[in-house]
Amino acid sequence: MTNRIRPFLKWAGGKFKLSHWISQHLPLGSRLIEPFVGAGAIFLNSSFDHYLLSDCNPDLINLYECLQKEGVPFIDFCQSFFTVANNTVKRYYHLRQRFNCSTDLHEKAALFLYLNRHCFNGLCRYNNKGHFNVPMGEYTRPYFPYNEMHAFHEKAQRAIFSCEDFTSIMRKACAEDVIYCDPPYYPLSNSASFTRYHLSDFTLDKQIVLADLCTELQQKGMRIIVSNHAIPETRRLYKQAKKLVFCDVQRTISATGHQRATVKELLALYL
């Protein structure tokens, strides 16, 4: 795939750089199911007739549905928040509070994009009350992804979006479907774990539930691919997969972005 489509959201663990590699391993099917859609890099850079895209974050799914249904008028509304006046600390925290208190789903979707592009490192994090609490980043002129949103809107006409638990979404699969799972990754260490970007943690127990469900569905003829860190724990976790394939990835390991390390990722192929 030569002309890759870049997601319009910043997203920790996003798969844009790996989308070509991952897509090479996706089998043919009529529909792609993603229980952890995130920024949607694989959705955007794959060729299926239909898509079922889910995530546990209702703000993310609300944004996608607004963009899917409204297109250009919604994109223009989102762009209205990307002004010099709104790129100040005072305005950022005012709009963050407005987002956290809003019951207007249209406004909330646009503000979610504003926060994603103005907050520190594009992180998505909530406190125990469900309030977005990432501090402001330092960007001279935050980028507004006009073209990327257009591309997403067009591709989304073939998609259904849902905010459900991964187990319920995966159990909706049929024989003609392909499932791609990109869960919060197994932590490399006890101090390097961030698995919560809404109200529930993706615990190690859920890692096991996911692996067991992949084995169960594989035995029923379903085809599933799972991404994760390539570490001893995940090699054991996915030992029932038909095959494990690996890729070296450069990843930022400091807040400044100056320090990078090469880490190995795996795909567990339940095919």
Protein backbone atom coordinates (compact mmCIF):
# COMPACT_ATOMS: atom_id res chain seq x y z
CA MET A 1 0.00 0.00 0.00
CA THR A 2 1.90 3.04 -1.28
CA ASN A 3 -0.35 5.96 -0.31
CA ARG A 4 -1.13 5.41 3.33
CA ILE A 5 -3.88 7.40 5.06
CA ARG A 6 -2.76 9.09 8.25
CA PRO A 7 -5.21 9.14 11.20
CA PHE A 8 -6.46 12.59 12.16
CA LEU A 9 -5.91 11.98 15.90
CA LYS A 10 -2.70 11.75 17.84
CA TRP A 11 -2.77 8.40 19.63
CA ALA A 12 -0.41 6.62 22.01
CA GLY A 13 0.42 3.25 20.49
CA GLY A 14 -1.10 4.19 17.13
CA LYS A 15 -0.32 1.79 14.30
CA PHE A 16 0.21 4.15 11.37
CA LYS A 17 3.94 3.35 11.04
CA LEU A 18 3.18 -0.38 11.20
CA SER A 19 0.03 -0.33 9.10
CA HIS A 20 1.69 -1.72 5.97
CA TRP A 21 3.33 -4.57 7.91
CA ILE A 22 0.12 -5.43 9.76
CA SER A 23 -2.03 -5.21 6.63
CA GLN A 24 0.23 -7.74 4.91
CA HIS A 25 -0.83 -10.32 7.49
CA LEU A 26 -4.57 -9.62 7.37
CA PRO A 27 -6.37 -12.45 5.55
CA LEU A 28 -9.09 -11.78 3.01
CA GLY A 29 -12.58 -11.26 4.36
CA SER A 30 -15.74 -9.25 3.86
CA ARG A 31 -15.56 -7.32 7.15
CA LEU A 32 -12.83 -6.18 9.53
CA ILE A 33 -13.72 -6.05 13.22
CA GLU A 34 -11.56 -3.92 15.52
CA PRO A 35 -12.43 -4.14 19.23
CA PHE A 36 -9.71 -1.55 20.08
CA VAL A 37 -9.95 0.84 17.14
CA GLY A 38 -7.97 3.73 18.68
CA ALA A 39 -6.96 6.22 15.97
CA GLY A 40 -8.04 3.78 13.26
CA ALA A 41 -4.78 3.38 11.30
CA ILE A 42 -5.53 -0.21 10.29
CA PHE A 43 -9.13 0.63 9.38
CA LEU A 44 -7.89 3.47 7.18
CA ASN A 45 -5.18 1.43 5.50
CA SER A 46 -6.97 -1.84 4.78
CA SER A 47 -9.40 -2.90 2.08
CA PHE A 48 -12.55 -4.54 3.39
CA ASP A 49 -16.11 -4.07 2.19
CA HIS A 50 -17.36 -3.39 5.71
CA TYR A 51 -16.00 -2.51 9.16
CA LEU A 52 -17.20 -2.94 12.74
CA LEU A 53 -15.12 -0.58 14.87
CA SER A 54 -15.34 -0.43 18.64
CA ASP A 55 -13.59 1.17 21.58
CA CYS A 56 -14.29 1.50 25.28
CA ASN A 57 -13.93 5.30 25.10
CA PRO A 58 -17.35 6.86 24.38
CA ASP A 59 -15.80 10.25 23.57
CA LEU A 60 -13.75 8.69 20.79
CA ILE A 61 -16.71 6.84 19.31
CA ASN A 62 -18.89 9.94 19.57
CA LEU A 63 -16.30 11.92 17.59
CA TYR A 64 -16.15 9.25 14.90
CA GLU A 65 -19.92 9.08 14.57
CA CYS A 66 -20.26 12.85 14.29
CA LEU A 67 -17.60 12.96 11.57
CA GLN A 68 -19.15 9.97 9.79
CA LYS A 69 -22.64 11.49 9.70
CA GLU A 70 -21.94 15.20 9.24
CA GLY A 71 -18.78 15.42 7.16
CA VAL A 72 -17.65 18.89 6.02
CA PRO A 73 -19.94 20.99 8.29
CA PHE A 74 -18.61 19.11 11.31
CA ILE A 75 -15.00 19.46 10.14
CA ASP A 76 -15.52 23.21 9.77
CA PHE A 77 -17.05 23.38 13.25
CA CYS A 78 -14.03 21.58 14.71
CA GLN A 79 -11.67 23.95 12.93
CA SER A 80 -13.39 26.94 14.55
CA PHE A 81 -11.72 25.96 17.86
CA PHE A 82 -8.23 26.01 16.32
CA THR A 83 -7.46 29.71 16.74
CA VAL A 84 -4.58 31.69 18.13
CA ALA A 85 -6.87 32.90 20.93
CA ASN A 86 -7.62 29.32 21.98
CA ASN A 87 -3.95 28.34 22.06
CA THR A 88 -3.33 29.81 25.50
CA VAL A 89 -3.19 28.17 28.90
CA LYS A 90 -6.26 30.04 30.14
CA ARG A 91 -8.39 29.11 27.12
CA TYR A 92 -7.16 25.52 27.10
CA TYR A 93 -8.28 24.89 30.67
CA HIS A 94 -11.53 26.74 30.07
CA LEU A 95 -12.30 24.53 27.05
CA ARG A 96 -11.18 21.41 28.90
CA GLN A 97 -13.67 22.23 31.66
CA ARG A 98 -16.32 22.96 29.05
CA PHE A 99 -15.68 19.55 27.51
CA ASN A 100 -15.94 17.79 30.86
CA CYS A 101 -19.25 19.48 31.68
CA SER A 102 -20.89 19.46 28.25
CA THR A 103 -23.94 17.34 27.50
CA ASP A 104 -24.00 18.47 23.85
CA LEU A 105 -22.50 15.51 21.96
CA HIS A 106 -21.81 17.62 18.86
CA GLU A 107 -19.82 20.18 20.85
CA LYS A 108 -18.17 17.49 22.97
CA ALA A 109 -16.90 15.72 19.84
CA ALA A 110 -15.30 18.88 18.47
CA LEU A 111 -13.73 19.69 21.84
CA PHE A 112 -12.32 16.16 22.08
CA LEU A 113 -10.42 16.82 18.87
CA TYR A 114 -9.30 20.24 20.18
CA LEU A 115 -7.98 18.62 23.36
CA ASN A 116 -6.25 15.85 21.43
CA ARG A 117 -4.33 18.36 19.33
CA HIS A 118 -3.56 20.87 22.10
CA CYS A 119 -2.84 18.65 25.11
CA PHE A 120 0.53 17.26 26.17
CA ASN A 121 1.76 14.66 23.66
CA GLY A 122 -1.80 13.97 22.47
CA LEU A 123 -2.43 11.83 25.53
CA CYS A 124 -5.91 10.64 26.42
CA ARG A 125 -6.39 10.27 30.16
CA TYR A 126 -9.27 10.64 32.61
CA ASN A 127 -9.52 10.94 36.39
CA ASN A 128 -11.72 8.81 38.62
CA LYS A 129 -14.67 11.13 37.96
CA GLY A 130 -14.38 10.54 34.24
CA HIS A 131 -12.98 14.01 33.56
CA PHE A 132 -10.29 14.50 30.91
CA ASN A 133 -7.27 15.72 32.86
CA VAL A 134 -4.26 15.92 30.51
CA PRO A 135 -2.39 19.25 30.85
CA MET A 136 -1.80 21.58 27.92
CA GLY A 137 1.09 20.92 25.57
CA GLU A 138 3.43 23.55 24.15
CA TYR A 139 2.64 23.91 20.46
CA THR A 140 3.15 27.14 18.54
CA ARG A 141 0.42 26.31 16.06
CA PRO A 142 -1.44 23.02 16.63
CA TYR A 143 -2.09 21.25 13.36
CA PHE A 144 -5.67 20.97 12.18
CA PRO A 145 -6.10 17.68 10.25
CA TYR A 146 -8.56 18.89 7.60
CA ASN A 147 -7.56 16.48 4.82
CA GLU A 148 -7.19 13.56 7.21
CA MET A 149 -10.71 14.13 8.54
CA HIS A 150 -12.07 14.19 4.99
CA ALA A 151 -10.41 10.86 4.26
CA PHE A 152 -11.80 9.36 7.49
CA HIS A 153 -15.31 10.61 6.69
CA GLU A 154 -15.24 8.98 3.27
CA LYS A 155 -13.94 5.64 4.53
CA ALA A 156 -16.34 5.68 7.50
CA GLN A 157 -19.34 5.29 5.18
CA ARG A 158 -18.43 1.58 5.15
CA ALA A 159 -18.21 1.35 8.95
CA ILE A 160 -20.37 0.83 12.00
CA PHE A 161 -19.03 2.30 15.24
CA SER A 162 -19.76 0.91 18.68
CA CYS A 163 -18.72 1.52 22.27
CA GLU A 164 -18.66 -1.96 23.77
CA ASP A 165 -16.45 -4.34 25.70
CA PHE A 166 -14.02 -6.23 23.48
CA THR A 167 -15.52 -9.60 24.40
CA SER A 168 -19.00 -8.69 23.17
CA ILE A 169 -17.68 -7.23 19.90
CA MET A 170 -15.48 -10.24 19.15
CA ARG A 171 -18.36 -12.64 19.75
CA LYS A 172 -20.29 -10.91 16.96
CA ALA A 173 -17.83 -12.24 14.38
CA CYS A 174 -18.82 -14.72 11.72
CA ALA A 175 -16.79 -16.90 9.36
CA GLU A 176 -16.30 -14.19 6.72
CA ASP A 177 -14.93 -11.67 9.24
CA VAL A 178 -11.36 -10.84 10.22
CA ILE A 179 -10.66 -9.54 13.74
CA TYR A 180 -7.70 -7.26 14.46
CA CYS A 181 -6.98 -6.58 18.15
CA ASP A 182 -4.68 -3.79 19.29
CA PRO A 183 -5.23 -3.81 23.07
CA PRO A 184 -3.30 -1.71 25.57
CA TYR A 185 0.06 -3.44 25.56
CA TYR A 186 1.44 -5.78 28.16
CA PRO A 187 3.74 -3.58 30.30
CA LEU A 188 7.46 -3.82 29.68
CA SER A 189 7.98 -3.21 33.40
CA ASN A 190 5.97 -2.41 36.51
CA SER A 191 6.92 1.27 36.19
CA ALA A 192 6.26 1.55 32.45
CA SER A 193 2.59 0.71 32.34
CA PHE A 194 -0.21 2.98 31.16
CA THR A 195 -3.32 0.96 30.44
CA ARG A 196 -6.06 3.39 31.39
CA TYR A 197 -7.40 5.99 29.03
CA HIS A 198 -10.99 5.95 30.17
CA LEU A 199 -12.69 4.70 33.33
CA SER A 200 -11.47 1.11 33.33
CA ASP A 201 -7.98 -0.36 33.39
CA PHE A 202 -6.93 -3.00 30.91
CA THR A 203 -5.46 -5.26 33.57
CA LEU A 204 -3.24 -8.30 33.17
CA ASP A 205 -6.32 -10.41 33.85
CA LYS A 206 -7.94 -8.87 30.77
CA GLN A 207 -4.83 -9.70 28.75
CA ILE A 208 -5.47 -13.33 29.68
CA VAL A 209 -9.19 -13.07 28.88
CA LEU A 210 -8.34 -11.71 25.44
CA ALA A 211 -5.82 -14.48 24.70
CA ASP A 212 -8.25 -17.18 25.88
CA LEU A 213 -11.04 -15.69 23.77
CA CYS A 214 -8.78 -15.69 20.69
CA THR A 215 -8.09 -19.39 21.24
CA GLU A 216 -11.79 -20.13 21.70
CA LEU A 217 -12.85 -18.25 18.58
CA GLN A 218 -9.99 -19.71 16.53
CA GLN A 219 -11.32 -23.18 17.34
CA LYS A 220 -14.68 -22.04 15.95
CA GLY A 221 -13.09 -21.00 12.67
CA MET A 222 -12.64 -17.29 13.33
CA ARG A 223 -9.54 -15.46 12.09
CA ILE A 224 -7.85 -13.11 14.56
CA ILE A 225 -4.64 -11.08 14.69
CA VAL A 226 -3.36 -9.49 17.92
CA SER A 227 -0.63 -6.88 18.39
CA ASN A 228 1.50 -6.60 21.52
CA HIS A 229 5.02 -6.22 22.85
CA ALA A 230 7.29 -9.14 21.95
CA ILE A 231 8.33 -10.19 25.43
CA PRO A 232 8.45 -13.59 27.18
CA GLU A 233 5.09 -12.95 28.87
CA THR A 234 3.25 -12.36 25.59
CA ARG A 235 4.95 -15.28 23.86
CA ARG A 236 3.49 -17.48 26.58
CA LEU A 237 0.17 -15.64 26.49
CA TYR A 238 -0.29 -16.29 22.78
CA LYS A 239 1.19 -19.78 22.67
CA GLN A 240 -2.04 -21.14 21.14
CA ALA A 241 -1.72 -18.87 18.10
CA LYS A 242 -0.89 -20.57 14.82
CA LYS A 243 2.11 -18.30 14.32
CA LEU A 244 3.96 -15.34 15.89
CA VAL A 245 5.64 -12.78 13.64
CA PHE A 246 7.92 -9.96 14.80
CA CYS A 247 8.93 -6.44 13.85
CA ASP A 248 11.46 -3.95 15.27
CA VAL A 249 9.95 -0.56 16.09
CA GLN A 250 11.56 2.71 17.14
CA ARG A 251 9.73 4.20 20.07
CA THR A 252 10.14 7.38 22.07
CA ILE A 253 11.17 6.64 25.65
CA SER A 254 11.25 10.16 27.09
CA ALA A 255 8.79 13.02 27.40
CA THR A 256 10.97 15.26 25.24
CA GLY A 257 11.06 12.80 22.37
CA HIS A 258 14.87 13.01 22.01
CA GLN A 259 15.52 9.54 23.34
CA ARG A 260 14.39 6.62 21.23
CA ALA A 261 14.82 2.91 21.64
CA THR A 262 14.20 -0.01 19.33
CA VAL A 263 11.66 -2.44 20.73
CA LYS A 264 10.24 -5.59 19.23
CA GLU A 265 6.54 -6.03 18.59
CA LEU A 266 4.68 -9.16 17.69
CA LEU A 267 1.58 -10.21 15.84
CA ALA A 268 -0.15 -13.32 17.12
CA LEU A 269 -1.88 -14.94 14.16
CA TYR A 270 -4.93 -17.02 15.08
CA LEU A 271 -5.68 -18.14 11.53
